[in-house]
Amino acid sequence: MDAPLAEQDLKALFLRHARQLQSYLLRKTRDPHLAADLAQESFLRLAEQRHKEPIEHVDAYLYRTAHNLTIDHYRQERRRRTETRPNDDLAGFVADQPGPEESAVDADALARLREIVAELPPRTREIFRLNRLEGLTHAEVARRLEISDSSVQKHLARALAHVMQALEDSR
C-alpha cells in the first residue's frame, strides 16, 4: 500500500481485523480486557503512523505492533512489581516540573483535544471518556452502558479516527 491509509480504509481495516487481532492477543495474554485494550491501542498506533509514512504490509504492521505492545505491557508490569524503593530514597530528587512555556503548550493542546472530543456524538463521546479518561476497559464500559463489547469497539474506532483526523487537520 503506497498511499497513506484514508480514514474509511482504517475503519474497514478495523472492522475486518479487530476480532482476529483481539483473539490473537487473548491467546498471548489470557486476559480478555487486556486483549481488547491492546488491540485498540494497536489500531491507534496504526492511525498515528499512517500519516508519517506509507505502510507496505498493513496486516503485518498491525500484528507486530500488537505483539510489541504485549511485550511492553508485561515489562512494565514486571517493573512495577520489582520497584520497591521507599519514599525516603526519593526525597533527594527534584520533581520535573514543566516550565511556563511547556505548561501553556500543554494547556492549548488539552483545550484543542476537549474541543475535538466535544464534536463527537454524545454516546461516542461518553464511551471515549469512560475508556480513555477514566481508564475503563471495553468490557467495563459495555457493562456500565448496557451495550455489547463490539459496540464499544465501534464507537471507540469512530472516536479515535475523528480525533486523529482533527489533530492532523489542525497541524
N, C-alpha and C. Protein backbone atom coordinates (compact mmCIF):
# COMPACT_ATOMS: atom_id res chain seq x y z
N MET A 1 0.85 -1.16 0.00
CA MET A 1 0.00 0.00 0.00
C MET A 1 0.90 1.23 0.00
N ASP A 2 0.93 1.96 -1.11
CA ASP A 2 1.83 3.09 -1.21
C ASP A 2 1.24 4.38 -0.66
N ALA A 3 -0.04 4.59 -0.83
CA ALA A 3 -0.68 5.81 -0.34
C ALA A 3 -1.02 5.66 1.13
N PRO A 4 -1.02 6.79 1.87
CA PRO A 4 -1.43 6.70 3.28
C PRO A 4 -2.86 6.18 3.40
N LEU A 5 -3.14 5.50 4.47
CA LEU A 5 -4.48 4.96 4.71
C LEU A 5 -5.47 6.10 4.91
N ALA A 6 -6.56 6.05 4.18
CA ALA A 6 -7.63 7.02 4.39
C ALA A 6 -8.42 6.61 5.61
N GLU A 7 -9.20 7.54 6.15
CA GLU A 7 -9.99 7.23 7.34
C GLU A 7 -10.95 6.07 7.09
N GLN A 8 -11.58 6.04 5.90
CA GLN A 8 -12.50 4.95 5.57
C GLN A 8 -11.77 3.62 5.52
N ASP A 9 -10.54 3.63 4.94
CA ASP A 9 -9.74 2.40 4.88
C ASP A 9 -9.42 1.91 6.28
N LEU A 10 -9.12 2.85 7.17
CA LEU A 10 -8.80 2.49 8.55
C LEU A 10 -10.01 1.87 9.25
N LYS A 11 -11.18 2.44 9.03
CA LYS A 11 -12.40 1.87 9.62
C LYS A 11 -12.66 0.46 9.08
N ALA A 12 -12.51 0.31 7.76
CA ALA A 12 -12.73 -1.01 7.15
C ALA A 12 -11.72 -2.02 7.68
N LEU A 13 -10.48 -1.58 7.83
CA LEU A 13 -9.43 -2.45 8.37
C LEU A 13 -9.78 -2.86 9.81
N PHE A 14 -10.27 -1.90 10.58
CA PHE A 14 -10.66 -2.20 11.96
C PHE A 14 -11.78 -3.24 11.98
N LEU A 15 -12.80 -3.01 11.18
CA LEU A 15 -13.94 -3.94 11.17
C LEU A 15 -13.53 -5.32 10.67
N ARG A 16 -12.57 -5.37 9.75
CA ARG A 16 -12.15 -6.65 9.19
C ARG A 16 -11.22 -7.42 10.13
N HIS A 17 -10.38 -6.71 10.91
CA HIS A 17 -9.34 -7.40 11.67
C HIS A 17 -9.47 -7.32 13.19
N ALA A 18 -10.37 -6.52 13.71
CA ALA A 18 -10.42 -6.31 15.16
C ALA A 18 -10.62 -7.60 15.94
N ARG A 19 -11.57 -8.42 15.53
CA ARG A 19 -11.83 -9.68 16.27
C ARG A 19 -10.65 -10.63 16.18
N GLN A 20 -10.06 -10.76 14.99
CA GLN A 20 -8.91 -11.66 14.82
C GLN A 20 -7.73 -11.19 15.67
N LEU A 21 -7.48 -9.89 15.64
CA LEU A 21 -6.37 -9.35 16.41
C LEU A 21 -6.63 -9.54 17.90
N GLN A 22 -7.85 -9.32 18.33
CA GLN A 22 -8.18 -9.49 19.74
C GLN A 22 -8.04 -10.97 20.14
N SER A 23 -8.42 -11.88 19.28
CA SER A 23 -8.25 -13.32 19.56
C SER A 23 -6.77 -13.67 19.68
N TYR A 24 -5.98 -13.13 18.79
CA TYR A 24 -4.53 -13.34 18.83
C TYR A 24 -3.96 -12.86 20.17
N LEU A 25 -4.38 -11.67 20.57
CA LEU A 25 -3.90 -11.11 21.83
C LEU A 25 -4.43 -11.87 23.04
N LEU A 26 -5.64 -12.37 22.93
CA LEU A 26 -6.21 -13.16 24.02
C LEU A 26 -5.39 -14.44 24.24
N ARG A 27 -4.95 -15.05 23.14
CA ARG A 27 -4.10 -16.24 23.28
C ARG A 27 -2.77 -15.89 23.96
N LYS A 28 -2.25 -14.71 23.70
CA LYS A 28 -0.99 -14.30 24.30
C LYS A 28 -1.14 -13.88 25.76
N THR A 29 -2.24 -13.19 26.08
CA THR A 29 -2.39 -12.59 27.41
C THR A 29 -3.28 -13.38 28.36
N ARG A 30 -4.21 -14.14 27.82
CA ARG A 30 -5.21 -14.87 28.60
C ARG A 30 -6.07 -13.92 29.45
N ASP A 31 -6.19 -12.68 28.98
CA ASP A 31 -6.98 -11.67 29.68
C ASP A 31 -7.81 -10.92 28.63
N PRO A 32 -9.12 -11.16 28.58
CA PRO A 32 -9.94 -10.55 27.52
C PRO A 32 -9.94 -9.02 27.56
N HIS A 33 -9.89 -8.44 28.75
CA HIS A 33 -9.90 -6.98 28.86
C HIS A 33 -8.58 -6.40 28.35
N LEU A 34 -7.49 -7.01 28.75
CA LEU A 34 -6.18 -6.55 28.28
C LEU A 34 -6.07 -6.74 26.78
N ALA A 35 -6.55 -7.86 26.26
CA ALA A 35 -6.50 -8.12 24.82
C ALA A 35 -7.28 -7.04 24.06
N ALA A 36 -8.44 -6.67 24.55
CA ALA A 36 -9.24 -5.63 23.90
C ALA A 36 -8.52 -4.29 23.93
N ASP A 37 -7.93 -3.95 25.06
CA ASP A 37 -7.20 -2.68 25.17
C ASP A 37 -5.97 -2.65 24.25
N LEU A 38 -5.24 -3.75 24.20
CA LEU A 38 -4.05 -3.81 23.34
C LEU A 38 -4.43 -3.77 21.86
N ALA A 39 -5.53 -4.41 21.50
CA ALA A 39 -5.99 -4.37 20.11
C ALA A 39 -6.36 -2.94 19.73
N GLN A 40 -7.07 -2.27 20.60
CA GLN A 40 -7.44 -0.88 20.35
C GLN A 40 -6.21 0.00 20.22
N GLU A 41 -5.25 -0.18 21.10
CA GLU A 41 -4.02 0.60 21.06
C GLU A 41 -3.24 0.32 19.77
N SER A 42 -3.28 -0.92 19.29
CA SER A 42 -2.60 -1.26 18.03
C SER A 42 -3.19 -0.48 16.87
N PHE A 43 -4.51 -0.40 16.83
CA PHE A 43 -5.17 0.36 15.76
C PHE A 43 -4.89 1.85 15.91
N LEU A 44 -4.82 2.33 17.13
CA LEU A 44 -4.50 3.74 17.34
C LEU A 44 -3.09 4.04 16.83
N ARG A 45 -2.14 3.16 17.11
CA ARG A 45 -0.77 3.35 16.62
C ARG A 45 -0.74 3.33 15.09
N LEU A 46 -1.53 2.44 14.49
CA LEU A 46 -1.62 2.39 13.03
C LEU A 46 -2.17 3.71 12.50
N ALA A 47 -3.20 4.23 13.16
CA ALA A 47 -3.79 5.50 12.74
C ALA A 47 -2.78 6.64 12.84
N GLU A 48 -1.98 6.64 13.88
CA GLU A 48 -0.96 7.67 14.05
C GLU A 48 0.13 7.54 12.98
N GLN A 49 0.52 6.32 12.70
CA GLN A 49 1.62 6.06 11.77
C GLN A 49 1.21 6.32 10.32
N ARG A 50 -0.06 6.19 10.01
CA ARG A 50 -0.50 6.27 8.61
C ARG A 50 -0.17 7.60 7.96
N HIS A 51 -0.02 8.67 8.74
CA HIS A 51 0.29 9.98 8.18
C HIS A 51 1.79 10.22 8.06
N LYS A 52 2.57 9.44 8.72
CA LYS A 52 4.02 9.66 8.74
C LYS A 52 4.70 9.08 7.51
N GLU A 53 4.39 7.84 7.22
CA GLU A 53 4.99 7.18 6.06
C GLU A 53 4.10 6.03 5.63
N PRO A 54 4.15 5.67 4.34
CA PRO A 54 3.31 4.56 3.86
C PRO A 54 3.69 3.25 4.54
N ILE A 55 2.71 2.45 4.81
CA ILE A 55 2.92 1.13 5.41
C ILE A 55 2.65 0.11 4.32
N GLU A 56 3.67 -0.65 3.97
CA GLU A 56 3.54 -1.58 2.85
C GLU A 56 2.65 -2.77 3.20
N HIS A 57 2.86 -3.37 4.35
CA HIS A 57 2.08 -4.55 4.76
C HIS A 57 1.33 -4.21 6.05
N VAL A 58 0.13 -3.68 5.87
CA VAL A 58 -0.66 -3.17 7.00
C VAL A 58 -0.95 -4.28 8.01
N ASP A 59 -1.32 -5.46 7.54
CA ASP A 59 -1.65 -6.56 8.46
C ASP A 59 -0.44 -6.91 9.32
N ALA A 60 0.71 -7.04 8.69
CA ALA A 60 1.93 -7.39 9.42
C ALA A 60 2.28 -6.29 10.42
N TYR A 61 2.12 -5.02 10.01
CA TYR A 61 2.40 -3.90 10.91
C TYR A 61 1.48 -3.97 12.13
N LEU A 62 0.22 -4.26 11.89
CA LEU A 62 -0.76 -4.32 12.97
C LEU A 62 -0.43 -5.42 13.97
N TYR A 63 -0.11 -6.60 13.48
CA TYR A 63 0.19 -7.72 14.39
C TYR A 63 1.54 -7.53 15.09
N ARG A 64 2.51 -6.94 14.40
CA ARG A 64 3.81 -6.68 15.03
C ARG A 64 3.62 -5.64 16.14
N THR A 65 2.81 -4.63 15.88
CA THR A 65 2.53 -3.62 16.90
C THR A 65 1.85 -4.25 18.11
N ALA A 66 0.87 -5.11 17.86
CA ALA A 66 0.16 -5.79 18.96
C ALA A 66 1.14 -6.65 19.76
N HIS A 67 2.00 -7.36 19.07
CA HIS A 67 2.99 -8.21 19.73
C HIS A 67 3.91 -7.35 20.62
N ASN A 68 4.40 -6.24 20.06
CA ASN A 68 5.30 -5.36 20.81
C ASN A 68 4.59 -4.71 22.00
N LEU A 69 3.34 -4.33 21.83
CA LEU A 69 2.58 -3.75 22.94
C LEU A 69 2.39 -4.77 24.07
N THR A 70 2.20 -6.03 23.70
CA THR A 70 2.05 -7.09 24.70
C THR A 70 3.34 -7.23 25.50
N ILE A 71 4.45 -7.26 24.80
CA ILE A 71 5.75 -7.36 25.48
C ILE A 71 5.97 -6.15 26.38
N ASP A 72 5.68 -4.96 25.86
CA ASP A 72 5.84 -3.74 26.67
C ASP A 72 4.98 -3.78 27.92
N HIS A 73 3.75 -4.26 27.77
CA HIS A 73 2.84 -4.35 28.92
C HIS A 73 3.44 -5.22 30.02
N TYR A 74 3.91 -6.40 29.65
CA TYR A 74 4.45 -7.31 30.66
C TYR A 74 5.77 -6.80 31.25
N ARG A 75 6.54 -6.09 30.47
CA ARG A 75 7.77 -5.48 31.02
C ARG A 75 7.41 -4.43 32.06
N GLN A 76 6.44 -3.58 31.73
CA GLN A 76 6.01 -2.55 32.68
C GLN A 76 5.43 -3.18 33.95
N GLU A 77 4.66 -4.23 33.77
CA GLU A 77 4.07 -4.92 34.92
C GLU A 77 5.17 -5.49 35.82
N ARG A 78 6.17 -6.09 35.20
CA ARG A 78 7.28 -6.66 35.97
C ARG A 78 8.04 -5.55 36.71
N ARG A 79 8.25 -4.42 36.03
CA ARG A 79 8.94 -3.29 36.65
C ARG A 79 8.16 -2.77 37.86
N ARG A 80 6.85 -2.66 37.71
CA ARG A 80 6.02 -2.18 38.82
C ARG A 80 6.12 -3.10 40.03
N ARG A 81 6.18 -4.40 39.77
CA ARG A 81 6.27 -5.35 40.88
C ARG A 81 7.63 -5.32 41.56
N THR A 82 8.69 -5.01 40.80
CA THR A 82 10.02 -5.07 41.38
C THR A 82 10.48 -3.72 41.93
N GLU A 83 9.79 -2.66 41.58
CA GLU A 83 10.16 -1.35 42.11
C GLU A 83 9.63 -1.22 43.54
N THR A 84 10.54 -1.29 44.49
CA THR A 84 10.11 -1.21 45.89
C THR A 84 10.93 -0.17 46.64
N ARG A 85 11.24 0.92 45.95
CA ARG A 85 12.01 1.96 46.60
C ARG A 85 11.15 2.68 47.63
N PRO A 86 11.64 2.80 48.82
CA PRO A 86 10.89 3.59 49.80
C PRO A 86 10.89 5.07 49.39
N ASN A 87 9.91 5.79 49.86
CA ASN A 87 9.82 7.22 49.55
C ASN A 87 11.02 8.00 50.06
N ASP A 88 11.66 7.53 51.13
CA ASP A 88 12.82 8.22 51.67
C ASP A 88 13.94 8.30 50.63
N ASP A 89 14.09 7.26 49.83
CA ASP A 89 15.13 7.25 48.81
C ASP A 89 14.88 8.30 47.74
N LEU A 90 13.64 8.70 47.58
CA LEU A 90 13.28 9.64 46.53
C LEU A 90 13.31 11.09 47.02
N ALA A 91 13.53 11.31 48.27
CA ALA A 91 13.46 12.64 48.86
C ALA A 91 14.47 13.60 48.25
N GLY A 92 15.62 13.12 47.80
CA GLY A 92 16.64 13.98 47.23
C GLY A 92 16.39 14.39 45.80
N PHE A 93 15.44 13.78 45.14
CA PHE A 93 15.18 14.09 43.74
C PHE A 93 14.22 15.26 43.63
N VAL A 94 14.50 16.16 42.69
CA VAL A 94 13.61 17.29 42.43
C VAL A 94 12.60 16.84 41.38
N ALA A 95 11.36 17.15 41.62
CA ALA A 95 10.32 16.77 40.66
C ALA A 95 10.51 17.54 39.37
N ASP A 96 10.30 16.86 38.25
CA ASP A 96 10.39 17.52 36.96
C ASP A 96 9.11 18.31 36.73
N GLN A 97 9.17 19.59 36.96
CA GLN A 97 8.03 20.46 36.74
C GLN A 97 8.20 21.15 35.39
N PRO A 98 7.14 21.17 34.59
CA PRO A 98 7.25 21.85 33.31
C PRO A 98 7.38 23.36 33.52
N GLY A 99 8.10 23.99 32.62
CA GLY A 99 8.25 25.44 32.67
C GLY A 99 6.98 26.11 32.20
N PRO A 100 6.93 27.44 32.28
CA PRO A 100 5.73 28.17 31.88
C PRO A 100 5.36 27.95 30.41
N GLU A 101 6.37 27.90 29.53
CA GLU A 101 6.08 27.69 28.10
C GLU A 101 5.48 26.31 27.86
N GLU A 102 6.07 25.30 28.48
CA GLU A 102 5.56 23.94 28.32
C GLU A 102 4.15 23.83 28.87
N SER A 103 3.89 24.48 29.99
CA SER A 103 2.55 24.45 30.58
C SER A 103 1.53 25.10 29.65
N ALA A 104 1.91 26.21 29.01
CA ALA A 104 1.00 26.90 28.09
C ALA A 104 0.71 26.03 26.87
N VAL A 105 1.74 25.38 26.32
CA VAL A 105 1.55 24.49 25.17
C VAL A 105 0.65 23.32 25.56
N ASP A 106 0.91 22.73 26.72
CA ASP A 106 0.08 21.63 27.19
C ASP A 106 -1.36 22.06 27.37
N ALA A 107 -1.57 23.23 27.93
CA ALA A 107 -2.93 23.74 28.14
C ALA A 107 -3.65 23.95 26.81
N ASP A 108 -2.93 24.49 25.81
CA ASP A 108 -3.51 24.69 24.48
C ASP A 108 -3.88 23.36 23.84
N ALA A 109 -2.98 22.38 23.94
CA ALA A 109 -3.23 21.06 23.35
C ALA A 109 -4.43 20.40 24.03
N LEU A 110 -4.51 20.52 25.35
CA LEU A 110 -5.62 19.94 26.08
C LEU A 110 -6.94 20.62 25.71
N ALA A 111 -6.91 21.93 25.55
CA ALA A 111 -8.11 22.66 25.16
C ALA A 111 -8.56 22.22 23.76
N ARG A 112 -7.61 22.05 22.84
CA ARG A 112 -7.95 21.60 21.48
C ARG A 112 -8.54 20.19 21.52
N LEU A 113 -7.96 19.33 22.32
CA LEU A 113 -8.47 17.96 22.44
C LEU A 113 -9.90 17.97 22.99
N ARG A 114 -10.15 18.81 23.97
CA ARG A 114 -11.52 18.91 24.53
C ARG A 114 -12.51 19.36 23.46
N GLU A 115 -12.09 20.32 22.62
CA GLU A 115 -12.97 20.79 21.54
C GLU A 115 -13.27 19.66 20.56
N ILE A 116 -12.25 18.89 20.21
CA ILE A 116 -12.41 17.79 19.26
C ILE A 116 -13.35 16.74 19.83
N VAL A 117 -13.14 16.38 21.09
CA VAL A 117 -13.98 15.37 21.72
C VAL A 117 -15.42 15.87 21.85
N ALA A 118 -15.60 17.16 22.07
CA ALA A 118 -16.95 17.73 22.18
C ALA A 118 -17.71 17.62 20.86
N GLU A 119 -17.00 17.51 19.74
CA GLU A 119 -17.65 17.38 18.43
C GLU A 119 -18.25 15.99 18.22
N LEU A 120 -17.85 15.01 19.02
CA LEU A 120 -18.32 13.64 18.86
C LEU A 120 -19.80 13.54 19.25
N PRO A 121 -20.52 12.58 18.65
CA PRO A 121 -21.90 12.34 19.10
C PRO A 121 -21.90 11.97 20.59
N PRO A 122 -22.96 12.29 21.31
CA PRO A 122 -22.97 12.09 22.77
C PRO A 122 -22.59 10.68 23.23
N ARG A 123 -23.15 9.66 22.61
CA ARG A 123 -22.87 8.28 23.03
C ARG A 123 -21.40 7.94 22.80
N THR A 124 -20.87 8.32 21.64
CA THR A 124 -19.47 8.06 21.31
C THR A 124 -18.56 8.83 22.27
N ARG A 125 -18.93 10.07 22.56
CA ARG A 125 -18.14 10.89 23.50
C ARG A 125 -18.11 10.25 24.88
N GLU A 126 -19.24 9.74 25.34
CA GLU A 126 -19.30 9.09 26.66
C GLU A 126 -18.43 7.84 26.70
N ILE A 127 -18.50 7.04 25.66
CA ILE A 127 -17.69 5.81 25.59
C ILE A 127 -16.21 6.17 25.57
N PHE A 128 -15.85 7.17 24.79
CA PHE A 128 -14.46 7.63 24.73
C PHE A 128 -13.99 8.10 26.11
N ARG A 129 -14.83 8.89 26.77
CA ARG A 129 -14.47 9.42 28.10
C ARG A 129 -14.25 8.29 29.10
N LEU A 130 -15.17 7.34 29.12
CA LEU A 130 -15.05 6.23 30.07
C LEU A 130 -13.79 5.40 29.82
N ASN A 131 -13.48 5.14 28.55
CA ASN A 131 -12.34 4.30 28.23
C ASN A 131 -11.02 5.06 28.35
N ARG A 132 -10.92 6.20 27.70
CA ARG A 132 -9.64 6.90 27.62
C ARG A 132 -9.34 7.78 28.83
N LEU A 133 -10.35 8.37 29.41
CA LEU A 133 -10.09 9.29 30.52
C LEU A 133 -10.25 8.63 31.88
N GLU A 134 -11.25 7.75 32.02
CA GLU A 134 -11.45 7.07 33.30
C GLU A 134 -10.73 5.73 33.36
N GLY A 135 -10.23 5.27 32.21
CA GLY A 135 -9.43 4.05 32.19
C GLY A 135 -10.21 2.75 32.27
N LEU A 136 -11.51 2.79 31.97
CA LEU A 136 -12.29 1.55 31.99
C LEU A 136 -11.96 0.70 30.76
N THR A 137 -11.99 -0.60 30.92
CA THR A 137 -11.77 -1.50 29.79
C THR A 137 -13.03 -1.51 28.92
N HIS A 138 -12.90 -2.12 27.74
CA HIS A 138 -14.06 -2.22 26.86
C HIS A 138 -15.21 -2.94 27.56
N ALA A 139 -14.91 -4.02 28.23
CA ALA A 139 -15.95 -4.81 28.91
C ALA A 139 -16.62 -3.99 30.02
N GLU A 140 -15.84 -3.23 30.76
CA GLU A 140 -16.41 -2.41 31.83
C GLU A 140 -17.32 -1.32 31.28
N VAL A 141 -16.91 -0.71 30.17
CA VAL A 141 -17.75 0.30 29.52
C VAL A 141 -19.04 -0.34 29.04
N ALA A 142 -18.90 -1.51 28.41
CA ALA A 142 -20.08 -2.21 27.89
C ALA A 142 -21.07 -2.53 29.02
N ARG A 143 -20.56 -3.03 30.12
CA ARG A 143 -21.43 -3.35 31.26
C ARG A 143 -22.10 -2.10 31.81
N ARG A 144 -21.32 -1.05 31.98
CA ARG A 144 -21.87 0.18 32.57
C ARG A 144 -22.96 0.78 31.69
N LEU A 145 -22.77 0.75 30.38
CA LEU A 145 -23.73 1.37 29.47
C LEU A 145 -24.75 0.37 28.91
N GLU A 146 -24.60 -0.89 29.33
CA GLU A 146 -25.50 -1.95 28.90
C GLU A 146 -25.56 -2.07 27.38
N ILE A 147 -24.37 -2.15 26.78
CA ILE A 147 -24.24 -2.36 25.34
C ILE A 147 -23.22 -3.47 25.12
N SER A 148 -23.10 -3.93 23.90
CA SER A 148 -22.16 -5.02 23.60
C SER A 148 -20.73 -4.50 23.53
N ASP A 149 -19.81 -5.41 23.73
CA ASP A 149 -18.39 -5.07 23.65
C ASP A 149 -18.04 -4.60 22.24
N SER A 150 -18.63 -5.23 21.23
CA SER A 150 -18.33 -4.82 19.85
C SER A 150 -18.87 -3.42 19.57
N SER A 151 -19.96 -3.06 20.20
CA SER A 151 -20.49 -1.70 20.04
C SER A 151 -19.51 -0.69 20.65
N VAL A 152 -18.96 -1.03 21.79
CA VAL A 152 -17.95 -0.17 22.42
C VAL A 152 -16.77 0.00 21.47
N GLN A 153 -16.30 -1.10 20.89
CA GLN A 153 -15.16 -1.04 19.98
C GLN A 153 -15.46 -0.17 18.76
N LYS A 154 -16.65 -0.29 18.21
CA LYS A 154 -17.02 0.51 17.03
C LYS A 154 -17.07 2.00 17.37
N HIS A 155 -17.66 2.33 18.51
CA HIS A 155 -17.71 3.74 18.93
C HIS A 155 -16.29 4.28 19.16
N LEU A 156 -15.44 3.48 19.78
CA LEU A 156 -14.07 3.93 20.03
C LEU A 156 -13.30 4.08 18.72
N ALA A 157 -13.52 3.19 17.77
CA ALA A 157 -12.85 3.30 16.48
C ALA A 157 -13.26 4.61 15.79
N ARG A 158 -14.55 4.91 15.83
CA ARG A 158 -15.03 6.17 15.25
C ARG A 158 -14.43 7.37 15.98
N ALA A 159 -14.43 7.31 17.30
CA ALA A 159 -13.90 8.42 18.09
C ALA A 159 -12.42 8.63 17.80
N LEU A 160 -11.66 7.57 17.81
CA LEU A 160 -10.22 7.68 17.57
C LEU A 160 -9.93 8.18 16.17
N ALA A 161 -10.67 7.69 15.19
CA ALA A 161 -10.48 8.16 13.81
C ALA A 161 -10.78 9.65 13.72
N HIS A 162 -11.86 10.09 14.38
CA HIS A 162 -12.23 11.50 14.37
C HIS A 162 -11.14 12.35 15.05
N VAL A 163 -10.70 11.93 16.20
CA VAL A 163 -9.68 12.67 16.93
C VAL A 163 -8.39 12.76 16.11
N MET A 164 -7.97 11.63 15.56
CA MET A 164 -6.73 11.62 14.78
C MET A 164 -6.85 12.52 13.56
N GLN A 165 -7.99 12.47 12.87
CA GLN A 165 -8.18 13.30 11.69
C GLN A 165 -8.20 14.78 12.06
N ALA A 166 -8.90 15.11 13.13
CA ALA A 166 -8.99 16.51 13.56
C ALA A 166 -7.61 17.04 13.98
N LEU A 167 -6.84 16.22 14.66
CA LEU A 167 -5.49 16.65 15.05
C LEU A 167 -4.61 16.83 13.82
N GLU A 168 -4.75 15.94 12.86
CA GLU A 168 -3.98 16.06 11.61
C GLU A 168 -4.38 17.32 10.86
N ASP A 169 -5.68 17.60 10.80
CA ASP A 169 -6.16 18.79 10.09
C ASP A 169 -5.71 20.08 10.76
N SER A 170 -5.50 20.05 12.07
CA SER A 170 -5.13 21.28 12.78
C SER A 170 -3.63 21.57 12.73
N ARG A 171 -2.87 20.67 12.14
CA ARG A 171 -1.41 20.90 12.05
C ARG A 171 -1.06 21.87 11.00
